Amino acid sequence: MTADPSLVIGLDAGGTKTAAHARLGSREFTLTGPGTNVLRDGTDAAARTLAEIVREASGEAGGAAVSSVCAGVAGAGREPERSQLEFSLAASLGTDVTVRVVHDAHIALDAAWEGGSGAVLVVGTGSVLFGRTEEGEMVRAGGWGSRLGDDGSGTALGRAAVRATLAAFDGGPPTALTERFAESEDLHSAADVVHVVYEANRPLASFAPVLLAACEAGDWVAEQALMRETNALGQQAGWLATRVADTLTHRLALVGGLSGEPVYRAALTSALDRHLPGWAIEADPPPPVRGALWMAEALVAA
């Protein structure tokens, strides 16, 4: 008599949303849930969010028992946060579930290069570069959170849009961003902008589309802001390449929500061409959640 198949789940948890890819025998399915970031939300809140998505996936599979979960999570790049989240998530799911937590860039790396050497640049709400050398060493650059880094991220673009708009209200360079904020966000003055950021606590990343729309319309101020942010990411990539010299295969995959925005991708690709001459840039790799599923399956096989 053959045992009933168990449910294996991979999670890609970014700051805005979490993608889940599950396999039960020959059946595969996906679902989407709320995002989380360990540095922003804390390990307990992040564990609750992820555990709820796992339970939802189990319900989608008719209540099938979960055997293993691998979660790639934004903000889980440091060992203290990673290990604490892994412990909290395992405690929430029970002793019968094998749990592994890694940084979200780690699963993107595995999905892009199938465990081989190469690098990934994750650009979403935050940003980070991860690489694996030919000897298997993991290396990184950036990803220090919105207060200290995340150049070129949605948060950085939103902040740049707000700063340029406030500068225009102060008498600085005129920009179409002021009209964009008025039309799409109903923000007509510096006081309105400050209120929505500081008192209404709007995430800065939510303003990134305003900057990109102004770039598409040819606004010089917005274009300069986008160039500064993407060049900073290209510079980080160049630093990483210099650190690891020839021990890293010269290929880089672009992942994350921003990488699919045409105006952003064009600016970023141009910056990477300057800072990583001769590297192969993969703009459409497999989704990172595939890497999380592969890792979850490896936990069962181990």
C-alpha atoms as a PDB file:
ATOM      1  CA  MET A   1       0.000   0.000   0.000  1.00  0.00           C
ATOM      2  CA  THR A   2       1.447   3.365  -1.076  1.00  0.00           C
ATOM      3  CA  ALA A   3       1.564   6.127   1.534  1.00  0.00           C
ATOM      4  CA  ASP A   4      -0.375   9.295   0.811  1.00  0.00           C
ATOM      5  CA  PRO A   5       1.871  11.980  -0.704  1.00  0.00           C
ATOM      6  CA  SER A   6       2.841  14.850   1.546  1.00  0.00           C
ATOM      7  CA  LEU A   7       2.739  18.542   0.729  1.00  0.00           C
ATOM      8  CA  VAL A   8       5.984  20.382  -0.032  1.00  0.00           C
ATOM      9  CA  ILE A   9       5.893  24.199  -0.070  1.00  0.00           C
ATOM     10  CA  GLY A  10       8.274  26.910  -1.245  1.00  0.00           C
ATOM     11  CA  LEU A  11       7.709  30.525  -0.185  1.00  0.00           C
ATOM     12  CA  ASP A  12       9.108  33.727  -1.677  1.00  0.00           C
ATOM     13  CA  ALA A  13       8.389  36.413   0.920  1.00  0.00           C
ATOM     14  CA  GLY A  14       9.110  39.969  -0.150  1.00  0.00           C
ATOM     15  CA  GLY A  15       8.171  43.209   1.519  1.00  0.00           C
ATOM     16  CA  THR A  16       5.003  43.601  -0.574  1.00  0.00           C
ATOM     17  CA  LYS A  17       3.713  40.058  -1.148  1.00  0.00           C
ATOM     18  CA  THR A  18       4.516  36.383  -0.604  1.00  0.00           C
ATOM     19  CA  ALA A  19       4.373  33.870  -3.450  1.00  0.00           C
ATOM     20  CA  ALA A  20       3.856  30.199  -2.594  1.00  0.00           C
ATOM     21  CA  HIS A  21       4.477  27.231  -4.872  1.00  0.00           C
ATOM     22  CA  ALA A  22       3.361  23.858  -3.551  1.00  0.00           C
ATOM     23  CA  ARG A  23       3.611  20.274  -4.776  1.00  0.00           C
ATOM     24  CA  LEU A  24       1.465  17.344  -3.686  1.00  0.00           C
ATOM     25  CA  GLY A  25       2.479  14.245  -5.586  1.00  0.00           C
ATOM     26  CA  SER A  26       2.117  15.128  -9.265  1.00  0.00           C
ATOM     27  CA  ARG A  27      -0.065  18.149  -8.554  1.00  0.00           C
ATOM     28  CA  GLU A  28       1.408  21.673  -8.362  1.00  0.00           C
ATOM     29  CA  PHE A  29      -0.324  24.916  -7.500  1.00  0.00           C
ATOM     30  CA  THR A  30       0.500  28.496  -6.551  1.00  0.00           C
ATOM     31  CA  LEU A  31      -1.052  31.144  -4.351  1.00  0.00           C
ATOM     32  CA  THR A  32      -0.245  34.628  -3.104  1.00  0.00           C
ATOM     33  CA  GLY A  33      -0.403  36.139   0.376  1.00  0.00           C
ATOM     34  CA  PRO A  34       0.725  39.206   2.328  1.00  0.00           C
ATOM     35  CA  GLY A  35       4.361  40.222   2.233  1.00  0.00           C
ATOM     36  CA  THR A  36       6.752  40.401   5.163  1.00  0.00           C
ATOM     37  CA  ASN A  37      10.249  41.602   5.985  1.00  0.00           C
ATOM     38  CA  VAL A  38      12.031  40.391   9.113  1.00  0.00           C
ATOM     39  CA  LEU A  39      13.842  43.682   9.687  1.00  0.00           C
ATOM     40  CA  ARG A  40      10.618  45.648   9.281  1.00  0.00           C
ATOM     41  CA  ASP A  41       8.060  43.359  10.927  1.00  0.00           C
ATOM     42  CA  GLY A  42      10.084  41.314  13.429  1.00  0.00           C
ATOM     43  CA  THR A  43      10.470  37.554  13.544  1.00  0.00           C
ATOM     44  CA  ASP A  44       7.237  36.759  15.387  1.00  0.00           C
ATOM     45  CA  ALA A  45       5.027  38.734  13.003  1.00  0.00           C
ATOM     46  CA  ALA A  46       6.879  37.328   9.981  1.00  0.00           C
ATOM     47  CA  ALA A  47       6.424  33.778  11.296  1.00  0.00           C
ATOM     48  CA  ARG A  48       2.684  34.328  11.762  1.00  0.00           C
ATOM     49  CA  THR A  49       2.317  35.642   8.206  1.00  0.00           C
ATOM     50  CA  LEU A  50       4.210  32.717   6.693  1.00  0.00           C
ATOM     51  CA  ALA A  51       2.480  30.100   8.853  1.00  0.00           C
ATOM     52  CA  GLU A  52      -0.919  31.379   7.733  1.00  0.00           C
ATOM     53  CA  ILE A  53       0.089  31.060   4.071  1.00  0.00           C
ATOM     54  CA  VAL A  54       1.300  27.499   4.690  1.00  0.00           C
ATOM     55  CA  ARG A  55      -2.031  26.630   6.311  1.00  0.00           C
ATOM     56  CA  GLU A  56      -3.875  28.204   3.388  1.00  0.00           C
ATOM     57  CA  ALA A  57      -1.831  26.069   0.987  1.00  0.00           C
ATOM     58  CA  SER A  58      -2.665  22.973   3.022  1.00  0.00           C
ATOM     59  CA  GLY A  59      -6.345  23.861   2.838  1.00  0.00           C
ATOM     60  CA  GLU A  60      -6.045  24.347  -0.914  1.00  0.00           C
ATOM     61  CA  ALA A  61      -4.641  20.800  -1.068  1.00  0.00           C
ATOM     62  CA  GLY A  62      -7.599  19.355   0.822  1.00  0.00           C
ATOM     63  CA  GLY A  63      -5.937  19.476   4.226  1.00  0.00           C
ATOM     64  CA  ALA A  64      -2.895  17.460   3.147  1.00  0.00           C
ATOM     65  CA  ALA A  65      -0.131  17.101   5.711  1.00  0.00           C
ATOM     66  CA  VAL A  66       2.823  19.424   5.139  1.00  0.00           C
ATOM     67  CA  SER A  67       6.205  17.678   5.159  1.00  0.00           C
ATOM     68  CA  SER A  68       8.616  20.518   4.425  1.00  0.00           C
ATOM     69  CA  VAL A  69       8.707  24.275   3.900  1.00  0.00           C
ATOM     70  CA  CYS A  70      11.503  26.465   2.588  1.00  0.00           C
ATOM     71  CA  ALA A  71      10.966  30.198   2.885  1.00  0.00           C
ATOM     72  CA  GLY A  72      13.135  32.809   1.206  1.00  0.00           C
ATOM     73  CA  VAL A  73      12.422  35.940   3.242  1.00  0.00           C
ATOM     74  CA  ALA A  74      13.321  39.591   2.777  1.00  0.00           C
ATOM     75  CA  GLY A  75      15.527  40.856   5.594  1.00  0.00           C
ATOM     76  CA  ALA A  76      16.707  37.371   6.607  1.00  0.00           C
ATOM     77  CA  GLY A  77      20.273  37.849   5.418  1.00  0.00           C
ATOM     78  CA  ARG A  78      21.835  37.918   8.898  1.00  0.00           C
ATOM     79  CA  GLU A  79      22.109  34.742  10.961  1.00  0.00           C
ATOM     80  CA  PRO A  80      20.319  36.031  14.105  1.00  0.00           C
ATOM     81  CA  GLU A  81      17.165  37.015  12.195  1.00  0.00           C
ATOM     82  CA  ARG A  82      17.289  33.963   9.938  1.00  0.00           C
ATOM     83  CA  SER A  83      17.677  31.403  12.732  1.00  0.00           C
ATOM     84  CA  GLN A  84      15.075  33.062  14.963  1.00  0.00           C
ATOM     85  CA  LEU A  85      12.508  33.159  12.157  1.00  0.00           C
ATOM     86  CA  GLU A  86      13.246  29.532  11.308  1.00  0.00           C
ATOM     87  CA  PHE A  87      12.670  28.577  14.951  1.00  0.00           C
ATOM     88  CA  SER A  88       9.450  30.614  15.221  1.00  0.00           C
ATOM     89  CA  LEU A  89       8.023  29.277  11.969  1.00  0.00           C
ATOM     90  CA  ALA A  90       8.854  25.669  12.907  1.00  0.00           C
ATOM     91  CA  ALA A  91       7.174  26.179  16.283  1.00  0.00           C
ATOM     92  CA  SER A  92       4.054  27.530  14.562  1.00  0.00           C
ATOM     93  CA  LEU A  93       3.836  24.639  12.110  1.00  0.00           C
ATOM     94  CA  GLY A  94       4.604  21.752  14.475  1.00  0.00           C
ATOM     95  CA  THR A  95       7.276  19.098  14.833  1.00  0.00           C
ATOM     96  CA  ASP A  96       6.187  17.073  11.800  1.00  0.00           C
ATOM     97  CA  VAL A  97       7.200  19.866   9.393  1.00  0.00           C
ATOM     98  CA  THR A  98      10.834  20.376   8.366  1.00  0.00           C
ATOM     99  CA  VAL A  99      11.519  24.099   7.968  1.00  0.00           C
ATOM    100  CA  ARG A 100      14.344  26.040   6.355  1.00  0.00           C
ATOM    101  CA  VAL A 101      14.568  29.848   6.163  1.00  0.00           C
ATOM    102  CA  VAL A 102      17.004  31.653   3.852  1.00  0.00           C
ATOM    103  CA  HIS A 103      17.326  35.143   2.423  1.00  0.00           C
ATOM    104  CA  ASP A 104      14.953  35.755  -0.480  1.00  0.00           C
ATOM    105  CA  ALA A 105      17.929  36.378  -2.771  1.00  0.00           C
ATOM    106  CA  HIS A 106      19.200  32.857  -2.017  1.00  0.00           C
ATOM    107  CA  ILE A 107      16.153  31.210  -3.578  1.00  0.00           C
ATOM    108  CA  ALA A 108      16.390  33.586  -6.548  1.00  0.00           C
ATOM    109  CA  LEU A 109      20.001  32.495  -7.032  1.00  0.00           C
ATOM    110  CA  ASP A 110      19.051  28.806  -7.035  1.00  0.00           C
ATOM    111  CA  ALA A 111      16.147  29.382  -9.409  1.00  0.00           C
ATOM    112  CA  ALA A 112      18.285  31.375 -11.845  1.00  0.00           C
ATOM    113  CA  TRP A 113      21.425  29.241 -11.964  1.00  0.00           C
ATOM    114  CA  GLU A 114      20.226  25.840 -10.634  1.00  0.00           C
ATOM    115  CA  GLY A 115      22.765  25.770  -7.837  1.00  0.00           C
ATOM    116  CA  GLY A 116      25.679  26.891 -10.024  1.00  0.00           C
ATOM    117  CA  SER A 117      27.909  29.927  -9.821  1.00  0.00           C
ATOM    118  CA  GLY A 118      26.502  33.320 -10.751  1.00  0.00           C
ATOM    119  CA  ALA A 119      24.755  36.302  -9.193  1.00  0.00           C
ATOM    120  CA  VAL A 120      21.285  37.776  -8.817  1.00  0.00           C
ATOM    121  CA  LEU A 121      20.132  41.326  -8.323  1.00  0.00           C
ATOM    122  CA  VAL A 122      16.820  41.538  -6.485  1.00  0.00           C
ATOM    123  CA  VAL A 123      14.944  44.810  -7.019  1.00  0.00           C
ATOM    124  CA  GLY A 124      11.559  45.131  -5.375  1.00  0.00           C
ATOM    125  CA  THR A 125      10.514  47.016  -2.248  1.00  0.00           C
ATOM    126  CA  GLY A 126      14.173  46.609  -1.229  1.00  0.00           C
ATOM    127  CA  SER A 127      17.298  45.626  -3.155  1.00  0.00           C
ATOM    128  CA  VAL A 128      20.237  43.259  -2.687  1.00  0.00           C
ATOM    129  CA  LEU A 129      22.930  41.462  -4.689  1.00  0.00           C
ATOM    130  CA  PHE A 130      23.727  37.824  -3.972  1.00  0.00           C
ATOM    131  CA  GLY A 131      26.282  35.589  -5.636  1.00  0.00           C
ATOM    132  CA  ARG A 132      27.742  32.102  -5.417  1.00  0.00           C
ATOM    133  CA  THR A 133      31.374  31.533  -6.345  1.00  0.00           C
ATOM    134  CA  GLU A 134      32.567  28.470  -8.237  1.00  0.00           C
ATOM    135  CA  GLU A 135      33.734  27.072  -4.873  1.00  0.00           C
ATOM    136  CA  GLY A 136      30.209  27.459  -3.473  1.00  0.00           C
ATOM    137  CA  GLU A 137      30.874  30.486  -1.234  1.00  0.00           C
ATOM    138  CA  MET A 138      27.920  32.855  -0.850  1.00  0.00           C
ATOM    139  CA  VAL A 139      28.714  36.569  -1.273  1.00  0.00           C
ATOM    140  CA  ARG A 140      26.535  39.650  -1.144  1.00  0.00           C
ATOM    141  CA  ALA A 141      26.460  43.420  -1.508  1.00  0.00           C
ATOM    142  CA  GLY A 142      23.824  45.914  -0.366  1.00  0.00           C
ATOM    143  CA  GLY A 143      20.489  44.921   1.118  1.00  0.00           C
ATOM    144  CA  TRP A 144      21.012  46.934   4.280  1.00  0.00           C
ATOM    145  CA  GLY A 145      17.375  47.947   4.638  1.00  0.00           C
ATOM    146  CA  SER A 146      15.571  51.176   3.819  1.00  0.00           C
ATOM    147  CA  ARG A 147      17.321  53.222   6.502  1.00  0.00           C
ATOM    148  CA  LEU A 148      20.851  52.349   5.434  1.00  0.00           C
ATOM    149  CA  GLY A 149      20.717  51.229   1.825  1.00  0.00           C
ATOM    150  CA  ASP A 150      18.421  49.492  -0.666  1.00  0.00           C
ATOM    151  CA  ASP A 151      19.642  51.688  -3.521  1.00  0.00           C
ATOM    152  CA  GLY A 152      17.505  51.485  -6.633  1.00  0.00           C
ATOM    153  CA  SER A 153      14.642  49.786  -4.781  1.00  0.00           C
ATOM    154  CA  GLY A 154      10.983  50.740  -4.831  1.00  0.00           C
ATOM    155  CA  THR A 155      11.511  52.459  -1.500  1.00  0.00           C
ATOM    156  CA  ALA A 156      14.483  54.415  -2.855  1.00  0.00           C
ATOM    157  CA  LEU A 157      12.572  55.442  -5.991  1.00  0.00           C
ATOM    158  CA  GLY A 158       9.588  56.567  -3.939  1.00  0.00           C
ATOM    159  CA  ARG A 159      11.846  58.562  -1.624  1.00  0.00           C
ATOM    160  CA  ALA A 160      13.526  60.176  -4.628  1.00  0.00           C
ATOM    161  CA  ALA A 161      10.144  61.158  -6.067  1.00  0.00           C
ATOM    162  CA  VAL A 162       9.051  62.723  -2.792  1.00  0.00           C
ATOM    163  CA  ARG A 163      12.346  64.584  -2.318  1.00  0.00           C
ATOM    164  CA  ALA A 164      12.280  65.997  -5.850  1.00  0.00           C
ATOM    165  CA  THR A 165       8.673  67.099  -5.394  1.00  0.00           C
ATOM    166  CA  LEU A 166       9.401  68.829  -2.093  1.00  0.00           C
ATOM    167  CA  ALA A 167      12.433  70.509  -3.676  1.00  0.00           C
ATOM    168  CA  ALA A 168      10.192  71.857  -6.458  1.00  0.00           C
ATOM    169  CA  PHE A 169       7.751  73.251  -3.893  1.00  0.00           C
ATOM    170  CA  ASP A 170      10.744  74.927  -2.200  1.00  0.00           C
ATOM    171  CA  GLY A 171      11.689  76.653  -5.445  1.00  0.00           C
ATOM    172  CA  GLY A 172      14.034  74.006  -6.832  1.00  0.00           C
ATOM    173  CA  PRO A 173      14.016  72.542 -10.344  1.00  0.00           C
ATOM    174  CA  PRO A 174      10.468  72.338 -11.703  1.00  0.00           C
ATOM    175  CA  THR A 175       9.274  68.817 -12.382  1.00  0.00           C
ATOM    176  CA  ALA A 176       6.214  67.027 -13.705  1.00  0.00           C
ATOM    177  CA  LEU A 177       6.305  65.055 -10.456  1.00  0.00           C
ATOM    178  CA  THR A 178       4.300  67.796  -8.741  1.00  0.00           C
ATOM    179  CA  GLU A 179       1.480  67.376 -11.256  1.00  0.00           C
ATOM    180  CA  ARG A 180       1.744  63.584 -11.045  1.00  0.00           C
ATOM    181  CA  PHE A 181       1.402  63.678  -7.272  1.00  0.00           C
ATOM    182  CA  ALA A 182      -1.590  65.986  -7.566  1.00  0.00           C
ATOM    183  CA  GLU A 183      -3.338  63.862 -10.199  1.00  0.00           C
ATOM    184  CA  SER A 184      -2.647  60.344  -8.957  1.00  0.00           C
ATOM    185  CA  GLU A 185      -2.238  60.875  -5.210  1.00  0.00           C
ATOM    186  CA  ASP A 186      -4.352  64.026  -4.556  1.00  0.00           C
ATOM    187  CA  LEU A 187      -1.309  65.706  -2.993  1.00  0.00           C
ATOM    188  CA  HIS A 188      -1.177  69.384  -3.956  1.00  0.00           C
ATOM    189  CA  SER A 189       1.336  70.941  -1.574  1.00  0.00           C
ATOM    190  CA  ALA A 190       4.445  70.218   0.454  1.00  0.00           C
ATOM    191  CA  ALA A 191       2.238  69.980   3.536  1.00  0.00           C
ATOM    192  CA  ASP A 192       0.110  67.301   1.842  1.00  0.00           C
ATOM    193  CA  VAL A 193       3.187  65.252   0.964  1.00  0.00           C
ATOM    194  CA  VAL A 194       4.712  65.519   4.433  1.00  0.00           C
ATOM    195  CA  HIS A 195       1.394  64.555   6.029  1.00  0.00           C
ATOM    196  CA  VAL A 196       0.907  61.419   3.952  1.00  0.00           C
ATOM    197  CA  VAL A 197       4.473  60.259   4.626  1.00  0.00           C
ATOM    198  CA  TYR A 198       4.875  61.077   8.303  1.00  0.00           C
ATOM    199  CA  GLU A 199       1.349  61.044   9.699  1.00  0.00           C
ATOM    200  CA  ALA A 200      -0.494  58.662   7.399  1.00  0.00           C
ATOM    201  CA  ASN A 201       2.621  56.436   7.227  1.00  0.00           C
ATOM    202  CA  ARG A 202       2.345  55.705   3.504  1.00  0.00           C
ATOM    203  CA  PRO A 203       5.168  53.355   2.478  1.00  0.00           C
ATOM    204  CA  LEU A 204       7.650  55.235   0.314  1.00  0.00           C
ATOM    205  CA  ALA A 205       7.695  52.340  -2.155  1.00  0.00           C
ATOM    206  CA  SER A 206       4.083  53.123  -3.041  1.00  0.00           C
ATOM    207  CA  PHE A 207       5.300  56.312  -4.750  1.00  0.00           C
ATOM    208  CA  ALA A 208       7.758  54.522  -7.061  1.00  0.00           C
ATOM    209  CA  PRO A 209       5.151  54.322  -9.882  1.00  0.00           C
ATOM    210  CA  VAL A 210       4.878  58.131  -9.787  1.00  0.00           C
ATOM    211  CA  LEU A 211       8.586  58.457 -10.534  1.00  0.00           C
ATOM    212  CA  LEU A 212       8.509  55.838 -13.299  1.00  0.00           C
ATOM    213  CA  ALA A 213       5.480  57.469 -14.938  1.00  0.00           C
ATOM    214  CA  ALA A 214       7.263  60.822 -14.931  1.00  0.00           C
ATOM    215  CA  CYS A 215      10.312  59.169 -16.514  1.00  0.00           C
ATOM    216  CA  GLU A 216       8.155  57.663 -19.255  1.00  0.00           C
ATOM    217  CA  ALA A 217       6.796  61.152 -19.934  1.00  0.00           C
ATOM    218  CA  GLY A 218      10.345  62.468 -20.361  1.00  0.00           C
ATOM    219  CA  ASP A 219      10.652  64.508 -17.167  1.00  0.00           C
ATOM    220  CA  TRP A 220      14.333  65.429 -16.730  1.00  0.00           C
ATOM    221  CA  VAL A 221      14.274  65.578 -12.921  1.00  0.00           C
ATOM    222  CA  ALA A 222      12.667  62.129 -12.635  1.00  0.00           C
ATOM    223  CA  GLU A 223      15.067  60.681 -15.210  1.00  0.00           C
ATOM    224  CA  GLN A 224      18.070  61.986 -13.288  1.00  0.00           C
ATOM    225  CA  ALA A 225      16.735  60.475 -10.054  1.00  0.00           C
ATOM    226  CA  LEU A 226      16.236  57.098 -11.730  1.00  0.00           C
ATOM    227  CA  MET A 227      19.728  57.245 -13.231  1.00  0.00           C
ATOM    228  CA  ARG A 228      21.277  57.986  -9.819  1.00  0.00           C
ATOM    229  CA  GLU A 229      19.488  55.069  -8.163  1.00  0.00           C
ATOM    230  CA  THR A 230      20.187  52.494 -10.864  1.00  0.00           C
ATOM    231  CA  ASN A 231      23.800  53.639 -11.158  1.00  0.00           C
ATOM    232  CA  ALA A 232      24.216  53.057  -7.417  1.00  0.00           C
ATOM    233  CA  LEU A 233      23.062  49.468  -7.938  1.00  0.00           C
ATOM    234  CA  GLY A 234      25.414  49.047 -10.865  1.00  0.00           C
ATOM    235  CA  GLN A 235      28.238  50.356  -8.702  1.00  0.00           C
ATOM    236  CA  GLN A 236      27.427  47.813  -5.977  1.00  0.00           C
ATOM    237  CA  ALA A 237      27.504  45.057  -8.587  1.00  0.00           C
ATOM    238  CA  GLY A 238      30.912  46.279  -9.731  1.00  0.00           C
ATOM    239  CA  TRP A 239      32.196  46.231  -6.151  1.00  0.00           C
ATOM    240  CA  LEU A 240      30.981  42.650  -5.726  1.00  0.00           C
ATOM    241  CA  ALA A 241      32.638  41.583  -8.967  1.00  0.00           C
ATOM    242  CA  THR A 242      35.915  43.178  -7.870  1.00  0.00           C
ATOM    243  CA  ARG A 243      35.822  41.461  -4.483  1.00  0.00           C
ATOM    244  CA  VAL A 244      35.382  37.964  -5.886  1.00  0.00           C
ATOM    245  CA  ALA A 245      37.524  38.555  -9.006  1.00  0.00           C
ATOM    246  CA  ASP A 246      37.357  35.504 -11.307  1.00  0.00           C
ATOM    247  CA  THR A 247      35.933  33.061  -8.762  1.00  0.00           C
ATOM    248  CA  LEU A 248      32.358  33.995  -9.745  1.00  0.00           C
ATOM    249  CA  THR A 249      30.858  33.065 -13.111  1.00  0.00           C
ATOM    250  CA  HIS A 250      30.193  36.331 -14.944  1.00  0.00           C
ATOM    251  CA  ARG A 251      26.430  36.153 -15.190  1.00  0.00           C
ATOM    252  CA  LEU A 252      23.745  38.126 -13.385  1.00  0.00           C
ATOM    253  CA  ALA A 253      19.985  37.547 -13.245  1.00  0.00           C
ATOM    254  CA  LEU A 254      17.488  40.351 -12.593  1.00  0.00           C
ATOM    255  CA  VAL A 255      14.566  39.454 -10.321  1.00  0.00           C
ATOM    256  CA  GLY A 256      11.904  41.329  -8.386  1.00  0.00           C
ATOM    257  CA  GLY A 257       8.907  43.422  -9.317  1.00  0.00           C
ATOM    258  CA  LEU A 258      10.856  46.430 -10.577  1.00  0.00           C
ATOM    259  CA  SER A 259      12.918  44.364 -12.995  1.00  0.00           C
ATOM    260  CA  GLY A 260       9.834  43.935 -15.157  1.00  0.00           C
ATOM    261  CA  GLU A 261       9.177  47.691 -15.515  1.00  0.00           C
ATOM    262  CA  PRO A 262      10.468  48.680 -18.987  1.00  0.00           C
ATOM    263  CA  VAL A 263      11.761  52.174 -18.132  1.00  0.00           C
ATOM    264  CA  TYR A 264      13.440  50.878 -14.990  1.00  0.00           C
ATOM    265  CA  ARG A 265      14.934  47.836 -16.700  1.00  0.00           C
ATOM    266  CA  ALA A 266      16.424  50.007 -19.458  1.00  0.00           C
ATOM    267  CA  ALA A 267      18.118  52.315 -16.939  1.00  0.00           C
ATOM    268  CA  LEU A 268      19.366  49.428 -14.815  1.00  0.00           C
ATOM    269  CA  THR A 269      20.698  47.447 -17.777  1.00  0.00           C
ATOM    270  CA  SER A 270      22.583  50.520 -18.950  1.00  0.00           C
ATOM    271  CA  ALA A 271      24.144  50.925 -15.492  1.00  0.00           C
ATOM    272  CA  LEU A 272      25.118  47.258 -15.330  1.00  0.00           C
ATOM    273  CA  ASP A 273      26.728  47.447 -18.772  1.00  0.00           C
ATOM    274  CA  ARG A 274      28.926  50.242 -17.442  1.00  0.00           C
ATOM    275  CA  HIS A 275      29.913  48.538 -14.190  1.00  0.00           C
ATOM    276  CA  LEU A 276      29.946  44.876 -15.312  1.00  0.00           C
ATOM    277  CA  PRO A 277      31.441  44.943 -18.808  1.00  0.00           C
ATOM    278  CA  GLY A 278      31.380  41.576 -20.489  1.00  0.00           C
ATOM    279  CA  TRP A 279      28.889  39.990 -18.068  1.00  0.00           C
ATOM    280  CA  ALA A 280      25.824  38.125 -19.316  1.00  0.00           C
ATOM    281  CA  ILE A 281      22.618  39.705 -17.998  1.00  0.00           C
ATOM    282  CA  GLU A 282      19.569  37.415 -17.721  1.00  0.00           C
ATOM    283  CA  ALA A 283      16.458  39.579 -17.598  1.00  0.00           C
ATOM    284  CA  ASP A 284      13.833  36.802 -17.403  1.00  0.00           C
ATOM    285  CA  PRO A 285      15.020  33.990 -15.115  1.00  0.00           C
ATOM    286  CA  PRO A 286      12.628  31.459 -13.522  1.00  0.00           C
ATOM    287  CA  PRO A 287      10.661  32.926 -10.599  1.00  0.00           C
ATOM    288  CA  PRO A 288      12.508  32.766  -7.252  1.00  0.00           C
ATOM    289  CA  VAL A 289       9.728  30.732  -5.656  1.00  0.00           C
ATOM    290  CA  ARG A 290      10.850  27.824  -7.852  1.00  0.00           C
ATOM    291  CA  GLY A 291      14.159  27.871  -6.008  1.00  0.00           C
ATOM    292  CA  ALA A 292      12.306  27.748  -2.683  1.00  0.00           C
ATOM    293  CA  LEU A 293      10.312  24.715  -3.840  1.00  0.00           C
ATOM    294  CA  TRP A 294      13.478  22.912  -4.929  1.00  0.00           C
ATOM    295  CA  MET A 295      15.035  23.587  -1.522  1.00  0.00           C
ATOM    296  CA  ALA A 296      11.900  22.302   0.233  1.00  0.00           C
ATOM    297  CA  GLU A 297      12.017  19.122  -1.841  1.00  0.00           C
ATOM    298  CA  ALA A 298      15.680  18.656  -0.958  1.00  0.00           C
ATOM    299  CA  LEU A 299      14.707  18.744   2.733  1.00  0.00           C
ATOM    300  CA  VAL A 300      12.453  15.723   2.153  1.00  0.00           C
ATOM    301  CA  ALA A 301      15.171  13.866   0.265  1.00  0.00           C
ATOM    302  CA  ALA A 302      17.848  14.566   2.897  1.00  0.00           C
END
